[in-house]
Amino acid sequence: MNAMLIEEKMVEILKDGLGIDLNDENFKETPKRIAKTYKEIFAGLDNVNEEIDKILCKAFPSHYDGVVTIKNIKVYSMCPHHFLPVEYNVNVGVIYKDKMLGLSKIPRLVKLLAKKPELQETFTQNIVDVLFGKLKVKGAIVTVDGVHYCMKMRGVEQGESSCFTSSRVGVFAKKDLEMKFLEMIK
C-alpha cells in the first residue's frame, strides 16, 4: 500500500474537490492521518495469505469433538461501494479434527479478513473457506450481523437496520447441527 500516494491524493480531494483550506489548524495533518488510517483499515489487502498462515500455524492436539463457538467478535470493515464503515458482529463455530487453534486465533483471523473492502456475503464466506480449506476442520459455520453506514448515514438512512448473513460447510451442512449452533449463539 502506498501511503505517500494516498496522502497526495487526499490533498487533492480535500483541497480541490471539497474546497477545504488545508492551512486551517484542524486540517493541516489530515491527509497524513487519513493515509495512516487507511493503511490500518485496509491491512487485509497486503500479504493477507502470509498473515493467515501466521495465525493458523500454531495448533494444539485435541480429542474434543464438540462445537467450539466464539461469539460476538466485533470487527470493522469498509463498504466496497461507498467506502463507508461497516460494523460487524461475528459468531464462529468450528468442529476440529485432531488439532485446534488457541481461542484468540479465530478473532484474529476474523479481524484480518475484515480489513479490506468487500461485500458482507463475501466476508462471511471467506471466514468459512479459510477455516475449512486451510485448517482442514470437520465443519465451520459463521454468522455475521452487519451495520452498514452507507445505509445508516446516507441514502435510505436506516439507522437501526442491519444485514444478517451466514455460511456453513462440512458437518454443519446437517440441519440439526446448524440449528444447534444458532441456538448456542442466541
N, C-alpha and C. Protein backbone atom coordinates (compact mmCIF):
# COMPACT_ATOMS: atom_id res chain seq x y z
N MET A 1 0.85 -1.17 0.00
CA MET A 1 0.00 0.00 0.00
C MET A 1 0.91 1.24 0.00
N ASN A 2 0.59 2.19 -0.84
CA ASN A 2 1.42 3.37 -0.99
C ASN A 2 0.84 4.54 -0.20
N ALA A 3 1.30 4.71 1.04
CA ALA A 3 0.78 5.75 1.93
C ALA A 3 1.07 7.15 1.39
N MET A 4 2.22 7.33 0.76
CA MET A 4 2.57 8.64 0.21
C MET A 4 1.58 9.05 -0.90
N LEU A 5 1.24 8.10 -1.76
CA LEU A 5 0.30 8.37 -2.83
C LEU A 5 -1.09 8.69 -2.27
N ILE A 6 -1.51 7.93 -1.27
CA ILE A 6 -2.80 8.19 -0.63
C ILE A 6 -2.81 9.60 -0.06
N GLU A 7 -1.75 9.99 0.63
CA GLU A 7 -1.66 11.33 1.21
C GLU A 7 -1.75 12.40 0.11
N GLU A 8 -1.00 12.22 -0.97
CA GLU A 8 -1.04 13.17 -2.10
C GLU A 8 -2.45 13.32 -2.64
N LYS A 9 -3.11 12.21 -2.88
CA LYS A 9 -4.45 12.24 -3.47
C LYS A 9 -5.47 12.83 -2.50
N MET A 10 -5.26 12.61 -1.19
CA MET A 10 -6.17 13.19 -0.20
C MET A 10 -6.05 14.71 -0.18
N VAL A 11 -4.85 15.23 -0.42
CA VAL A 11 -4.68 16.68 -0.54
C VAL A 11 -5.55 17.18 -1.69
N GLU A 12 -5.50 16.49 -2.83
CA GLU A 12 -6.31 16.88 -3.98
C GLU A 12 -7.80 16.81 -3.66
N ILE A 13 -8.23 15.73 -3.05
CA ILE A 13 -9.65 15.56 -2.73
C ILE A 13 -10.12 16.64 -1.76
N LEU A 14 -9.37 16.83 -0.67
CA LEU A 14 -9.78 17.80 0.35
C LEU A 14 -9.72 19.23 -0.17
N LYS A 15 -8.61 19.58 -0.80
CA LYS A 15 -8.39 20.96 -1.24
C LYS A 15 -9.19 21.28 -2.51
N ASP A 16 -8.94 20.51 -3.56
CA ASP A 16 -9.55 20.82 -4.85
C ASP A 16 -10.99 20.30 -4.97
N GLY A 17 -11.22 19.11 -4.47
CA GLY A 17 -12.55 18.51 -4.59
C GLY A 17 -13.57 19.08 -3.62
N LEU A 18 -13.15 19.28 -2.36
CA LEU A 18 -14.09 19.74 -1.34
C LEU A 18 -13.90 21.21 -0.95
N GLY A 19 -12.82 21.82 -1.42
CA GLY A 19 -12.58 23.23 -1.11
C GLY A 19 -12.18 23.50 0.33
N ILE A 20 -11.56 22.54 0.98
CA ILE A 20 -11.14 22.70 2.37
C ILE A 20 -9.79 23.40 2.41
N ASP A 21 -9.68 24.36 3.29
CA ASP A 21 -8.43 25.11 3.49
C ASP A 21 -7.48 24.26 4.33
N LEU A 22 -6.46 23.70 3.70
CA LEU A 22 -5.52 22.83 4.41
C LEU A 22 -4.53 23.60 5.29
N ASN A 23 -4.62 24.93 5.28
CA ASN A 23 -3.83 25.74 6.22
C ASN A 23 -4.54 25.90 7.55
N ASP A 24 -5.82 25.59 7.59
CA ASP A 24 -6.58 25.61 8.84
C ASP A 24 -5.97 24.57 9.78
N GLU A 25 -5.75 24.95 11.01
CA GLU A 25 -5.10 24.07 12.01
C GLU A 25 -5.79 22.71 12.12
N ASN A 26 -7.08 22.67 11.93
CA ASN A 26 -7.82 21.41 12.05
C ASN A 26 -7.56 20.45 10.89
N PHE A 27 -7.05 20.97 9.77
CA PHE A 27 -6.87 20.14 8.58
C PHE A 27 -5.42 19.98 8.13
N LYS A 28 -4.48 20.64 8.79
CA LYS A 28 -3.08 20.62 8.34
C LYS A 28 -2.53 19.20 8.19
N GLU A 29 -2.76 18.36 9.13
CA GLU A 29 -2.22 16.99 9.10
C GLU A 29 -3.23 15.95 8.64
N THR A 30 -4.41 16.39 8.21
CA THR A 30 -5.48 15.45 7.85
C THR A 30 -5.08 14.49 6.73
N PRO A 31 -4.48 14.94 5.63
CA PRO A 31 -4.11 13.96 4.58
C PRO A 31 -3.15 12.87 5.10
N LYS A 32 -2.22 13.24 5.95
CA LYS A 32 -1.28 12.28 6.53
C LYS A 32 -2.01 11.31 7.47
N ARG A 33 -2.94 11.85 8.27
CA ARG A 33 -3.71 11.00 9.19
C ARG A 33 -4.60 10.02 8.42
N ILE A 34 -5.20 10.50 7.33
CA ILE A 34 -6.05 9.62 6.52
C ILE A 34 -5.21 8.50 5.91
N ALA A 35 -4.04 8.82 5.39
CA ALA A 35 -3.16 7.80 4.80
C ALA A 35 -2.79 6.75 5.85
N LYS A 36 -2.45 7.21 7.05
CA LYS A 36 -2.11 6.28 8.14
C LYS A 36 -3.31 5.42 8.52
N THR A 37 -4.47 6.04 8.58
CA THR A 37 -5.70 5.32 8.92
C THR A 37 -6.03 4.29 7.86
N TYR A 38 -5.92 4.65 6.58
CA TYR A 38 -6.21 3.71 5.51
C TYR A 38 -5.26 2.53 5.53
N LYS A 39 -4.02 2.78 5.85
CA LYS A 39 -3.04 1.68 5.94
C LYS A 39 -3.49 0.66 7.00
N GLU A 40 -4.05 1.15 8.09
CA GLU A 40 -4.55 0.27 9.15
C GLU A 40 -5.86 -0.40 8.76
N ILE A 41 -6.81 0.38 8.27
CA ILE A 41 -8.13 -0.14 7.92
C ILE A 41 -8.07 -1.17 6.80
N PHE A 42 -7.16 -0.96 5.83
CA PHE A 42 -7.09 -1.84 4.67
C PHE A 42 -5.90 -2.79 4.72
N ALA A 43 -5.46 -3.13 5.91
CA ALA A 43 -4.31 -4.03 6.08
C ALA A 43 -4.57 -5.41 5.47
N GLY A 44 -5.81 -5.78 5.31
CA GLY A 44 -6.16 -7.06 4.71
C GLY A 44 -5.89 -7.14 3.22
N LEU A 45 -5.49 -6.03 2.62
CA LEU A 45 -5.15 -6.03 1.19
C LEU A 45 -3.68 -6.39 0.97
N ASP A 46 -2.86 -6.31 2.00
CA ASP A 46 -1.42 -6.57 1.90
C ASP A 46 -1.04 -7.91 2.50
N ASN A 47 -0.44 -8.79 1.72
CA ASN A 47 0.11 -10.07 2.21
C ASN A 47 -0.84 -10.83 3.12
N VAL A 48 -2.09 -10.87 2.78
CA VAL A 48 -3.09 -11.49 3.65
C VAL A 48 -2.83 -12.99 3.83
N ASN A 49 -2.37 -13.68 2.80
CA ASN A 49 -2.12 -15.12 2.93
C ASN A 49 -1.00 -15.42 3.91
N GLU A 50 0.04 -14.59 3.90
CA GLU A 50 1.12 -14.75 4.89
C GLU A 50 0.59 -14.58 6.30
N GLU A 51 -0.23 -13.56 6.49
CA GLU A 51 -0.79 -13.29 7.83
C GLU A 51 -1.72 -14.41 8.28
N ILE A 52 -2.52 -14.91 7.35
CA ILE A 52 -3.41 -16.04 7.68
C ILE A 52 -2.58 -17.24 8.11
N ASP A 53 -1.52 -17.54 7.37
CA ASP A 53 -0.66 -18.67 7.72
C ASP A 53 -0.04 -18.50 9.10
N LYS A 54 0.37 -17.27 9.45
CA LYS A 54 0.92 -17.00 10.78
C LYS A 54 -0.11 -17.27 11.87
N ILE A 55 -1.35 -16.87 11.61
CA ILE A 55 -2.41 -17.07 12.60
C ILE A 55 -2.71 -18.55 12.78
N LEU A 56 -2.74 -19.28 11.68
CA LEU A 56 -3.16 -20.69 11.72
C LEU A 56 -2.04 -21.69 11.97
N CYS A 57 -0.79 -21.23 11.99
CA CYS A 57 0.34 -22.18 12.04
C CYS A 57 0.47 -22.91 13.38
N LYS A 58 -0.01 -22.35 14.44
CA LYS A 58 0.13 -22.98 15.75
C LYS A 58 -1.20 -23.60 16.18
N ALA A 59 -1.27 -24.90 16.08
CA ALA A 59 -2.46 -25.64 16.51
C ALA A 59 -2.04 -26.67 17.55
N PHE A 60 -2.97 -27.02 18.42
CA PHE A 60 -2.68 -27.91 19.54
C PHE A 60 -3.44 -29.21 19.41
N PRO A 61 -2.83 -30.33 19.80
CA PRO A 61 -3.52 -31.62 19.74
C PRO A 61 -4.75 -31.60 20.64
N SER A 62 -5.82 -32.24 20.16
CA SER A 62 -7.04 -32.30 20.95
C SER A 62 -7.91 -33.46 20.46
N HIS A 63 -8.61 -34.06 21.40
CA HIS A 63 -9.56 -35.11 21.07
C HIS A 63 -11.00 -34.63 21.23
N TYR A 64 -11.16 -33.36 21.52
CA TYR A 64 -12.50 -32.77 21.68
C TYR A 64 -13.21 -32.78 20.34
N ASP A 65 -14.43 -33.33 20.29
CA ASP A 65 -15.13 -33.41 19.02
C ASP A 65 -16.44 -32.62 19.01
N GLY A 66 -16.61 -31.75 20.00
CA GLY A 66 -17.80 -30.91 20.06
C GLY A 66 -17.58 -29.60 19.30
N VAL A 67 -18.58 -28.76 19.36
CA VAL A 67 -18.53 -27.47 18.70
C VAL A 67 -17.78 -26.47 19.58
N VAL A 68 -16.79 -25.80 19.01
CA VAL A 68 -16.13 -24.68 19.67
C VAL A 68 -16.73 -23.43 19.06
N THR A 69 -17.33 -22.60 19.90
CA THR A 69 -18.02 -21.41 19.42
C THR A 69 -17.39 -20.16 20.01
N ILE A 70 -17.06 -19.23 19.15
CA ILE A 70 -16.59 -17.91 19.58
C ILE A 70 -17.69 -16.94 19.18
N LYS A 71 -18.29 -16.28 20.18
CA LYS A 71 -19.43 -15.38 19.94
C LYS A 71 -19.00 -13.92 20.03
N ASN A 72 -19.77 -13.10 19.35
CA ASN A 72 -19.68 -11.65 19.48
C ASN A 72 -18.30 -11.08 19.18
N ILE A 73 -17.71 -11.51 18.08
CA ILE A 73 -16.44 -10.95 17.63
C ILE A 73 -16.78 -9.64 16.91
N LYS A 74 -16.37 -8.52 17.48
CA LYS A 74 -16.68 -7.21 16.91
C LYS A 74 -15.52 -6.76 16.03
N VAL A 75 -15.80 -6.54 14.75
CA VAL A 75 -14.78 -6.06 13.81
C VAL A 75 -15.40 -4.99 12.91
N TYR A 76 -14.52 -4.26 12.24
CA TYR A 76 -14.95 -3.17 11.38
C TYR A 76 -14.35 -3.36 9.99
N SER A 77 -15.11 -2.93 9.01
CA SER A 77 -14.66 -3.03 7.63
C SER A 77 -15.14 -1.79 6.89
N MET A 78 -15.00 -1.84 5.57
CA MET A 78 -15.47 -0.74 4.73
C MET A 78 -16.31 -1.31 3.60
N CYS A 79 -17.38 -0.63 3.29
CA CYS A 79 -18.25 -0.98 2.19
C CYS A 79 -17.50 -0.74 0.87
N PRO A 80 -17.50 -1.71 -0.04
CA PRO A 80 -16.77 -1.52 -1.30
C PRO A 80 -17.46 -0.55 -2.26
N HIS A 81 -18.73 -0.25 -2.01
CA HIS A 81 -19.46 0.62 -2.93
C HIS A 81 -19.34 2.10 -2.57
N HIS A 82 -19.27 2.41 -1.27
CA HIS A 82 -19.26 3.81 -0.83
C HIS A 82 -18.05 4.16 0.03
N PHE A 83 -17.25 3.17 0.38
CA PHE A 83 -16.12 3.34 1.29
C PHE A 83 -16.55 4.00 2.60
N LEU A 84 -17.66 3.53 3.12
CA LEU A 84 -18.13 3.93 4.44
C LEU A 84 -18.01 2.73 5.36
N PRO A 85 -17.92 2.96 6.67
CA PRO A 85 -17.70 1.87 7.62
C PRO A 85 -18.85 0.87 7.69
N VAL A 86 -18.47 -0.35 8.02
CA VAL A 86 -19.41 -1.42 8.32
C VAL A 86 -18.96 -2.01 9.66
N GLU A 87 -19.89 -2.14 10.58
CA GLU A 87 -19.61 -2.70 11.90
C GLU A 87 -20.21 -4.10 11.93
N TYR A 88 -19.34 -5.09 12.15
CA TYR A 88 -19.78 -6.48 12.13
C TYR A 88 -19.75 -7.10 13.52
N ASN A 89 -20.74 -7.93 13.78
CA ASN A 89 -20.73 -8.82 14.94
C ASN A 89 -20.72 -10.24 14.37
N VAL A 90 -19.64 -10.97 14.64
CA VAL A 90 -19.40 -12.26 14.01
C VAL A 90 -19.43 -13.37 15.05
N ASN A 91 -20.07 -14.47 14.69
CA ASN A 91 -20.07 -15.68 15.51
C ASN A 91 -19.50 -16.81 14.66
N VAL A 92 -18.58 -17.57 15.25
CA VAL A 92 -17.92 -18.64 14.51
C VAL A 92 -18.04 -19.94 15.30
N GLY A 93 -18.43 -20.99 14.62
CA GLY A 93 -18.46 -22.33 15.21
C GLY A 93 -17.56 -23.24 14.39
N VAL A 94 -16.78 -24.06 15.09
CA VAL A 94 -15.84 -24.96 14.43
C VAL A 94 -15.89 -26.32 15.11
N ILE A 95 -15.81 -27.37 14.33
CA ILE A 95 -15.56 -28.71 14.87
C ILE A 95 -14.23 -29.14 14.28
N TYR A 96 -13.25 -29.26 15.16
CA TYR A 96 -11.89 -29.59 14.74
C TYR A 96 -11.74 -31.08 14.48
N LYS A 97 -10.64 -31.44 13.82
CA LYS A 97 -10.30 -32.86 13.62
C LYS A 97 -9.37 -33.28 14.76
N ASP A 98 -8.08 -33.25 14.54
CA ASP A 98 -7.11 -33.70 15.54
C ASP A 98 -6.43 -32.57 16.29
N LYS A 99 -6.47 -31.38 15.71
CA LYS A 99 -5.78 -30.23 16.31
C LYS A 99 -6.73 -29.05 16.34
N MET A 100 -6.54 -28.19 17.35
CA MET A 100 -7.36 -26.99 17.45
C MET A 100 -6.51 -25.76 17.68
N LEU A 101 -7.05 -24.62 17.31
CA LEU A 101 -6.39 -23.34 17.50
C LEU A 101 -6.58 -22.85 18.92
N GLY A 102 -5.67 -21.98 19.36
CA GLY A 102 -5.91 -21.25 20.61
C GLY A 102 -7.11 -20.35 20.40
N LEU A 103 -7.83 -20.05 21.45
CA LEU A 103 -9.09 -19.31 21.33
C LEU A 103 -8.95 -17.93 20.70
N SER A 104 -7.81 -17.28 20.88
CA SER A 104 -7.64 -15.93 20.33
C SER A 104 -7.42 -15.93 18.82
N LYS A 105 -7.10 -17.07 18.25
CA LYS A 105 -6.75 -17.12 16.82
C LYS A 105 -7.94 -16.86 15.91
N ILE A 106 -9.10 -17.35 16.28
CA ILE A 106 -10.27 -17.13 15.41
C ILE A 106 -10.64 -15.64 15.36
N PRO A 107 -10.74 -14.93 16.48
CA PRO A 107 -10.99 -13.48 16.37
C PRO A 107 -9.90 -12.74 15.58
N ARG A 108 -8.64 -13.16 15.72
CA ARG A 108 -7.57 -12.53 14.92
C ARG A 108 -7.79 -12.75 13.43
N LEU A 109 -8.18 -13.96 13.08
CA LEU A 109 -8.45 -14.28 11.68
C LEU A 109 -9.62 -13.44 11.16
N VAL A 110 -10.68 -13.37 11.92
CA VAL A 110 -11.86 -12.60 11.51
C VAL A 110 -11.50 -11.13 11.35
N LYS A 111 -10.74 -10.60 12.29
CA LYS A 111 -10.32 -9.19 12.22
C LYS A 111 -9.49 -8.93 10.96
N LEU A 112 -8.55 -9.83 10.66
CA LEU A 112 -7.72 -9.67 9.46
C LEU A 112 -8.57 -9.70 8.20
N LEU A 113 -9.49 -10.67 8.11
CA LEU A 113 -10.31 -10.80 6.91
C LEU A 113 -11.26 -9.63 6.73
N ALA A 114 -11.58 -8.93 7.81
CA ALA A 114 -12.46 -7.75 7.72
C ALA A 114 -11.73 -6.53 7.18
N LYS A 115 -10.41 -6.56 7.16
CA LYS A 115 -9.63 -5.37 6.81
C LYS A 115 -9.41 -5.20 5.32
N LYS A 116 -10.51 -5.29 4.59
CA LYS A 116 -10.49 -4.96 3.16
C LYS A 116 -11.94 -4.67 2.75
N PRO A 117 -12.10 -3.82 1.75
CA PRO A 117 -13.46 -3.50 1.33
C PRO A 117 -14.03 -4.63 0.48
N GLU A 118 -15.06 -5.30 1.00
CA GLU A 118 -15.73 -6.34 0.23
C GLU A 118 -17.14 -6.51 0.75
N LEU A 119 -17.95 -7.18 -0.02
CA LEU A 119 -19.34 -7.42 0.36
C LEU A 119 -19.40 -8.26 1.63
N GLN A 120 -20.42 -8.04 2.44
CA GLN A 120 -20.61 -8.82 3.65
C GLN A 120 -20.74 -10.30 3.33
N GLU A 121 -21.43 -10.62 2.27
CA GLU A 121 -21.62 -12.02 1.88
C GLU A 121 -20.26 -12.69 1.58
N THR A 122 -19.39 -11.95 0.92
CA THR A 122 -18.05 -12.47 0.59
C THR A 122 -17.22 -12.64 1.85
N PHE A 123 -17.28 -11.64 2.73
CA PHE A 123 -16.57 -11.70 4.01
C PHE A 123 -16.99 -12.94 4.80
N THR A 124 -18.29 -13.17 4.89
CA THR A 124 -18.83 -14.32 5.61
C THR A 124 -18.29 -15.63 5.03
N GLN A 125 -18.36 -15.75 3.71
CA GLN A 125 -17.90 -16.96 3.04
C GLN A 125 -16.39 -17.16 3.20
N ASN A 126 -15.63 -16.07 3.15
CA ASN A 126 -14.17 -16.17 3.28
C ASN A 126 -13.75 -16.77 4.62
N ILE A 127 -14.44 -16.42 5.69
CA ILE A 127 -14.10 -16.97 7.01
C ILE A 127 -14.27 -18.49 6.99
N VAL A 128 -15.41 -18.95 6.49
CA VAL A 128 -15.68 -20.39 6.41
C VAL A 128 -14.65 -21.07 5.50
N ASP A 129 -14.36 -20.46 4.36
CA ASP A 129 -13.42 -21.06 3.41
C ASP A 129 -12.03 -21.22 4.01
N VAL A 130 -11.56 -20.21 4.74
CA VAL A 130 -10.22 -20.30 5.35
C VAL A 130 -10.20 -21.39 6.41
N LEU A 131 -11.21 -21.42 7.27
CA LEU A 131 -11.23 -22.44 8.33
C LEU A 131 -11.32 -23.85 7.76
N PHE A 132 -12.16 -24.03 6.78
CA PHE A 132 -12.36 -25.37 6.21
C PHE A 132 -11.21 -25.75 5.27
N GLY A 133 -10.79 -24.82 4.45
CA GLY A 133 -9.78 -25.11 3.44
C GLY A 133 -8.37 -25.17 3.97
N LYS A 134 -7.99 -24.20 4.78
CA LYS A 134 -6.60 -24.14 5.26
C LYS A 134 -6.40 -24.92 6.55
N LEU A 135 -7.40 -24.92 7.41
CA LEU A 135 -7.25 -25.57 8.71
C LEU A 135 -7.73 -27.03 8.68
N LYS A 136 -8.50 -27.37 7.65
CA LYS A 136 -8.99 -28.74 7.47
C LYS A 136 -9.82 -29.21 8.67
N VAL A 137 -10.79 -28.40 9.06
CA VAL A 137 -11.69 -28.76 10.17
C VAL A 137 -12.80 -29.66 9.63
N LYS A 138 -13.52 -30.34 10.54
CA LYS A 138 -14.65 -31.17 10.13
C LYS A 138 -15.80 -30.31 9.62
N GLY A 139 -15.93 -29.14 10.22
CA GLY A 139 -17.00 -28.23 9.81
C GLY A 139 -16.79 -26.85 10.39
N ALA A 140 -17.37 -25.87 9.69
CA ALA A 140 -17.31 -24.50 10.17
C ALA A 140 -18.62 -23.82 9.82
N ILE A 141 -19.03 -22.92 10.70
CA ILE A 141 -20.25 -22.14 10.47
C ILE A 141 -19.98 -20.73 10.98
N VAL A 142 -20.48 -19.75 10.24
CA VAL A 142 -20.26 -18.35 10.57
C VAL A 142 -21.56 -17.58 10.37
N THR A 143 -21.87 -16.72 11.33
CA THR A 143 -22.94 -15.75 11.14
C THR A 143 -22.34 -14.36 11.30
N VAL A 144 -22.83 -13.45 10.49
CA VAL A 144 -22.35 -12.07 10.52
C VAL A 144 -23.55 -11.15 10.51
N ASP A 145 -23.61 -10.27 11.51
CA ASP A 145 -24.65 -9.24 11.58
C ASP A 145 -23.94 -7.91 11.34
N GLY A 146 -24.27 -7.23 10.24
CA GLY A 146 -23.54 -6.03 9.86
C GLY A 146 -24.40 -4.78 9.86
N VAL A 147 -23.86 -3.73 10.46
CA VAL A 147 -24.48 -2.41 10.40
C VAL A 147 -23.69 -1.61 9.36
N HIS A 148 -24.35 -1.27 8.28
CA HIS A 148 -23.70 -0.62 7.14
C HIS A 148 -23.99 0.88 7.17
N TYR A 149 -22.93 1.65 7.32
CA TYR A 149 -23.09 3.09 7.42
C TYR A 149 -23.51 3.73 6.10
N CYS A 150 -23.36 3.02 4.98
CA CYS A 150 -23.89 3.53 3.71
C CYS A 150 -25.42 3.53 3.74
N MET A 151 -26.02 2.68 4.58
CA MET A 151 -27.47 2.68 4.77
C MET A 151 -27.87 3.54 5.96
N LYS A 152 -26.97 3.69 6.90
CA LYS A 152 -27.29 4.39 8.14
C LYS A 152 -27.19 5.92 7.98
N MET A 153 -26.13 6.39 7.31
CA MET A 153 -25.87 7.83 7.25
C MET A 153 -26.32 8.50 5.97
N ARG A 154 -26.59 7.74 4.94
CA ARG A 154 -26.91 8.36 3.64
C ARG A 154 -28.02 7.55 2.97
N GLY A 155 -28.43 7.98 1.83
CA GLY A 155 -29.41 7.23 1.05
C GLY A 155 -30.68 6.95 1.82
N VAL A 156 -30.93 5.70 2.10
CA VAL A 156 -32.17 5.27 2.75
C VAL A 156 -32.23 5.67 4.24
N GLU A 157 -31.09 5.98 4.84
CA GLU A 157 -30.97 6.44 6.24
C GLU A 157 -31.74 5.55 7.22
N GLN A 158 -31.38 4.29 7.22
CA GLN A 158 -31.98 3.31 8.13
C GLN A 158 -31.01 3.04 9.28
N GLY A 159 -31.03 3.89 10.28
CA GLY A 159 -30.08 3.85 11.37
C GLY A 159 -30.15 2.61 12.25
N GLU A 160 -31.26 1.93 12.27
CA GLU A 160 -31.42 0.77 13.16
C GLU A 160 -31.39 -0.56 12.41
N SER A 161 -31.23 -0.54 11.10
CA SER A 161 -31.26 -1.80 10.36
C SER A 161 -29.89 -2.45 10.31
N SER A 162 -29.89 -3.76 10.09
CA SER A 162 -28.64 -4.49 9.93
C SER A 162 -28.88 -5.60 8.91
N CYS A 163 -27.79 -6.17 8.45
CA CYS A 163 -27.85 -7.26 7.47
C CYS A 163 -27.27 -8.51 8.12
N PHE A 164 -27.95 -9.62 8.00
CA PHE A 164 -27.52 -10.88 8.62
C PHE A 164 -27.17 -11.87 7.51
N THR A 165 -25.95 -12.43 7.57
CA THR A 165 -25.54 -13.44 6.61
C THR A 165 -24.98 -14.64 7.38
N SER A 166 -25.01 -15.79 6.73
CA SER A 166 -24.43 -16.98 7.34
C SER A 166 -23.88 -17.89 6.25
N SER A 167 -22.93 -18.70 6.66
CA SER A 167 -22.36 -19.70 5.75
C SER A 167 -21.94 -20.89 6.58
N ARG A 168 -22.07 -22.07 6.01
CA ARG A 168 -21.70 -23.28 6.72
C ARG A 168 -21.12 -24.28 5.74
N VAL A 169 -20.25 -25.14 6.27
CA VAL A 169 -19.59 -26.13 5.42
C VAL A 169 -19.25 -27.36 6.26
N GLY A 170 -19.08 -28.49 5.59
CA GLY A 170 -18.72 -29.72 6.30
C GLY A 170 -19.90 -30.25 7.10
N VAL A 171 -19.62 -30.71 8.31
CA VAL A 171 -20.67 -31.33 9.13
C VAL A 171 -21.79 -30.36 9.48
N PHE A 172 -21.55 -29.06 9.37
CA PHE A 172 -22.60 -28.08 9.67
C PHE A 172 -23.65 -28.00 8.57
N ALA A 173 -23.42 -28.71 7.46
CA ALA A 173 -24.43 -28.77 6.42
C ALA A 173 -25.67 -29.53 6.90
N LYS A 174 -25.48 -30.33 7.95
CA LYS A 174 -26.62 -31.04 8.55
C LYS A 174 -27.46 -30.02 9.31
N LYS A 175 -28.73 -30.00 9.03
CA LYS A 175 -29.64 -29.00 9.60
C LYS A 175 -29.64 -29.01 11.13
N ASP A 176 -29.58 -30.20 11.75
CA ASP A 176 -29.64 -30.26 13.21
C ASP A 176 -28.42 -29.60 13.85
N LEU A 177 -27.25 -29.75 13.26
CA LEU A 177 -26.04 -29.14 13.80
C LEU A 177 -26.06 -27.62 13.59
N GLU A 178 -26.58 -27.21 12.43
CA GLU A 178 -26.72 -25.77 12.18
C GLU A 178 -27.68 -25.16 13.21
N MET A 179 -28.78 -25.82 13.46
CA MET A 179 -29.78 -25.31 14.42
C MET A 179 -29.19 -25.27 15.83
N LYS A 180 -28.39 -26.27 16.20
CA LYS A 180 -27.73 -26.30 17.50
C LYS A 180 -26.82 -25.09 17.64
N PHE A 181 -26.05 -24.76 16.60
CA PHE A 181 -25.15 -23.60 16.64
C PHE A 181 -25.98 -22.31 16.79
N LEU A 182 -27.01 -22.17 15.99
CA LEU A 182 -27.82 -20.96 16.06
C LEU A 182 -28.46 -20.78 17.43
N GLU A 183 -28.82 -21.88 18.05
CA GLU A 183 -29.37 -21.82 19.42
C GLU A 183 -28.28 -21.39 20.40
N MET A 184 -27.05 -21.87 20.20
CA MET A 184 -25.94 -21.54 21.09
C MET A 184 -25.61 -20.05 21.07
N ILE A 185 -25.76 -19.41 19.92
CA ILE A 185 -25.35 -18.00 19.83
C ILE A 185 -26.45 -17.02 20.22
N LYS A 186 -27.64 -17.52 20.51
CA LYS A 186 -28.75 -16.63 20.92
C LYS A 186 -28.41 -15.92 22.21
